[in-house]
Amino acid sequence: VTLLFSFALALFVNGELLLGGFKRIAIHTAAAHFEFDAVKTIVQDGQSTVEYLQQDIVVSRNSVTVIRRAKEIDVVSGDTRIVFLIHEKEGNFYLWPVIRQQPMDTNVTGILALKPAVYEEVQQTPSTILKIQNMEVIATRSTTADYSIASAPTLDCWSVPSEFALQRPINEFIVTQI
């Protein structure tokens, strides 16, 4: 899945999505490649590849700095800051990316570049209908964990098809490799 792409920064952030979160996330720049999962960081710079298994590491390659802590990985590239929170549920670990500082580049694409959807409730009985940008869809009330926060609190939300929330087909974000 394309999480973030900036042509101006030559920055690609892609992830391998599993049920609940991301198994792996990769960052590609013009000069280096970084790959993250819940336990390790792999850095490829030209012909050399280094794998880091420990916490509290700081890695800097060209314009990318990575700080890995026990429950999060902090990545800074140019004017962009992304944090990958490490969550555990039922013995499974996964990453959840959160943009902490948006790039100044206005042509950034990807799921993390999307603005929050602005919607209105246009009908509540017998079914709730939400309207976003002149499109209407039946929505159901649900709860979910907000994984963008380290404690992952449970929040009330609307459940709608992904294409409606993303305002485009999900396949526009699919990539063949991370």
Protein backbone atom coordinates (compact mmCIF):
# COMPACT_ATOMS: atom_id res chain seq x y z
CA VAL A 1 0.00 0.00 0.00
CA THR A 2 1.33 3.46 -0.84
CA LEU A 3 1.41 5.37 2.41
CA LEU A 4 3.23 8.49 1.20
CA PHE A 5 4.95 9.61 -1.99
CA SER A 6 6.72 12.91 -2.55
CA PHE A 7 8.34 13.43 -5.94
CA ALA A 8 10.02 16.63 -4.69
CA LEU A 9 11.68 14.79 -1.78
CA ALA A 10 12.24 11.57 -3.78
CA LEU A 11 10.53 9.84 -0.85
CA PHE A 12 8.43 6.68 -1.13
CA VAL A 13 6.79 5.10 1.94
CA ASN A 14 5.03 1.78 1.32
CA GLY A 15 3.60 -0.81 3.67
CA GLU A 16 2.58 -4.46 3.74
CA LEU A 17 -0.89 -4.46 5.27
CA LEU A 18 -2.23 -7.25 7.45
CA LEU A 19 -5.48 -7.46 9.37
CA GLY A 20 -5.06 -4.87 12.12
CA GLY A 21 -1.95 -3.03 10.92
CA PHE A 22 1.23 -3.19 8.90
CA LYS A 23 3.62 -6.14 9.01
CA ARG A 24 6.43 -4.20 7.29
CA ILE A 25 6.95 -0.61 6.17
CA ALA A 26 9.65 0.49 3.74
CA ILE A 27 11.05 3.92 2.99
CA HIS A 28 12.83 4.45 -0.30
CA THR A 29 14.88 7.55 -1.05
CA ALA A 30 17.24 8.35 -3.91
CA ALA A 31 20.23 7.12 -1.90
CA ALA A 32 18.98 4.61 0.69
CA HIS A 33 16.35 2.02 1.51
CA PHE A 34 14.94 1.41 5.01
CA GLU A 35 12.71 -1.47 6.03
CA PHE A 36 10.97 -1.77 9.39
CA ASP A 37 9.00 -4.40 11.22
CA ALA A 38 8.12 -4.77 14.90
CA VAL A 39 11.56 -6.12 15.88
CA LYS A 40 14.17 -4.94 13.36
CA THR A 41 15.34 -2.16 11.10
CA ILE A 42 17.18 -2.92 7.86
CA VAL A 43 19.16 -0.15 6.17
CA GLN A 44 20.50 -0.55 2.64
CA ASP A 45 22.84 2.18 1.45
CA GLY A 46 24.37 1.41 -1.94
CA GLN A 47 25.99 -2.04 -1.69
CA SER A 48 25.96 -2.30 2.11
CA THR A 49 23.07 -3.68 4.16
CA VAL A 50 22.91 -3.44 7.96
CA GLU A 51 20.27 -5.04 10.18
CA TYR A 52 19.58 -3.51 13.60
CA LEU A 53 17.80 -5.62 16.21
CA GLN A 54 18.21 -3.43 19.25
CA GLN A 55 16.09 -0.60 20.57
CA ASP A 56 17.25 2.95 21.18
CA ILE A 57 19.24 3.16 17.96
CA VAL A 58 19.79 6.22 15.84
CA VAL A 59 20.56 5.73 12.15
CA SER A 60 21.18 8.57 9.74
CA ARG A 61 21.64 8.10 6.00
CA ASN A 62 21.71 11.09 3.68
CA SER A 63 18.50 13.00 4.40
CA VAL A 64 16.79 10.35 6.57
CA THR A 65 17.16 9.95 10.34
CA VAL A 66 15.66 6.98 12.19
CA ILE A 67 15.28 6.74 15.96
CA ARG A 68 14.01 3.37 17.14
CA ARG A 69 12.58 3.07 20.66
CA ALA A 70 10.73 0.28 22.48
CA LYS A 71 7.24 1.14 21.18
CA GLU A 72 7.86 3.47 18.24
CA ILE A 73 10.11 4.26 15.30
CA ASP A 74 10.60 7.96 14.55
CA VAL A 75 11.59 8.82 10.97
CA VAL A 76 12.52 12.29 9.70
CA SER A 77 13.21 13.07 6.05
CA GLY A 78 13.51 16.72 5.07
CA ASP A 79 10.44 18.51 6.40
CA THR A 80 8.48 15.28 6.97
CA ARG A 81 8.19 13.37 10.23
CA ILE A 82 6.49 9.99 10.45
CA VAL A 83 6.18 7.84 13.56
CA PHE A 84 5.51 4.09 13.29
CA LEU A 85 3.83 3.03 16.51
CA ILE A 86 4.44 -0.59 17.47
CA HIS A 87 1.25 -2.25 18.71
CA GLU A 88 0.62 -5.74 20.02
CA LYS A 89 -2.73 -7.50 19.95
CA GLU A 90 -3.28 -11.13 20.92
CA GLY A 91 0.45 -11.87 20.61
CA ASN A 92 0.77 -10.34 17.14
CA PHE A 93 2.89 -7.23 16.59
CA TYR A 94 2.33 -4.69 13.87
CA LEU A 95 3.19 -1.13 12.92
CA TRP A 96 0.84 1.83 12.60
CA PRO A 97 2.14 4.89 10.71
CA VAL A 98 1.25 8.40 11.89
CA ILE A 99 2.26 11.66 10.18
CA ARG A 100 3.53 14.04 12.85
CA GLN A 101 4.71 16.71 10.39
CA GLN A 102 3.26 16.94 6.89
CA PRO A 103 5.64 17.68 4.02
CA MET A 104 5.47 21.21 2.61
CA ASP A 105 5.18 19.67 -0.86
CA THR A 106 1.53 20.07 -1.91
CA ASN A 107 1.78 17.27 -4.49
CA VAL A 108 2.25 14.51 -1.91
CA THR A 109 0.08 11.43 -2.46
CA GLY A 110 -0.74 8.26 -0.54
CA ILE A 111 -3.07 7.27 2.26
CA LEU A 112 -1.18 9.35 4.86
CA ALA A 113 -1.50 12.44 2.64
CA LEU A 114 -5.31 12.32 2.63
CA LYS A 115 -7.17 15.01 4.52
CA PRO A 116 -9.82 13.91 7.03
CA ALA A 117 -13.19 13.40 5.38
CA VAL A 118 -15.76 16.10 5.97
CA TYR A 119 -19.21 14.54 6.04
CA GLU A 120 -22.77 15.27 7.02
CA GLU A 121 -25.57 13.04 8.22
CA VAL A 122 -28.39 13.46 5.74
CA GLN A 123 -30.78 10.83 7.08
CA GLN A 124 -30.98 8.94 10.35
CA THR A 125 -34.03 6.68 10.03
CA PRO A 126 -34.51 3.93 9.05
CA SER A 127 -30.78 3.87 8.12
CA THR A 128 -28.09 6.47 8.63
CA ILE A 129 -26.88 8.00 5.38
CA LEU A 130 -23.66 10.01 5.24
CA LYS A 131 -22.78 12.46 2.50
CA ILE A 132 -19.22 13.30 1.45
CA GLN A 133 -18.63 15.52 -1.59
CA ASN A 134 -22.10 14.90 -3.05
CA MET A 135 -21.83 11.12 -2.61
CA GLU A 136 -24.16 9.30 -0.22
CA VAL A 137 -23.70 5.95 1.48
CA ILE A 138 -25.43 3.94 4.20
CA ALA A 139 -23.29 3.92 7.35
CA THR A 140 -23.40 1.88 10.52
CA ARG A 141 -22.23 2.90 13.97
CA SER A 142 -19.22 0.98 15.23
CA THR A 143 -16.24 1.22 17.55
CA THR A 144 -12.58 0.83 16.73
CA ALA A 145 -9.19 1.34 18.30
CA ASP A 146 -7.40 4.55 17.35
CA TYR A 147 -3.94 3.17 16.64
CA SER A 148 -2.55 6.62 15.89
CA ILE A 149 -2.31 7.04 19.67
CA ALA A 150 0.10 4.82 21.62
CA SER A 151 -2.57 3.73 24.14
CA ALA A 152 -4.98 2.86 21.25
CA PRO A 153 -8.21 4.08 22.89
CA THR A 154 -11.54 2.75 21.61
CA LEU A 155 -13.60 5.36 19.75
CA ASP A 156 -17.08 5.52 18.26
CA CYS A 157 -17.01 5.80 14.49
CA TRP A 158 -18.97 5.35 11.28
CA SER A 159 -18.33 2.21 9.25
CA VAL A 160 -18.45 2.87 5.49
CA PRO A 161 -16.86 1.23 2.42
CA SER A 162 -13.17 2.13 1.99
CA GLU A 163 -13.73 3.75 -1.42
CA PHE A 164 -16.19 6.16 0.18
CA ALA A 165 -13.83 7.15 3.00
CA LEU A 166 -10.77 7.39 0.71
CA GLN A 167 -12.73 9.18 -2.06
CA ARG A 168 -11.17 6.86 -4.66
CA PRO A 169 -10.82 3.12 -5.25
CA ILE A 170 -8.47 1.35 -2.85
CA ASN A 171 -6.57 -0.17 -5.80
CA GLU A 172 -5.11 3.28 -6.53
CA PHE A 173 -3.02 2.84 -3.38
CA ILE A 174 -1.91 -0.76 -4.04
CA VAL A 175 1.74 -1.40 -4.97
CA THR A 176 3.28 -4.72 -6.00
CA GLN A 177 6.17 -4.56 -3.54
CA ILE A 178 6.98 -2.53 -0.50
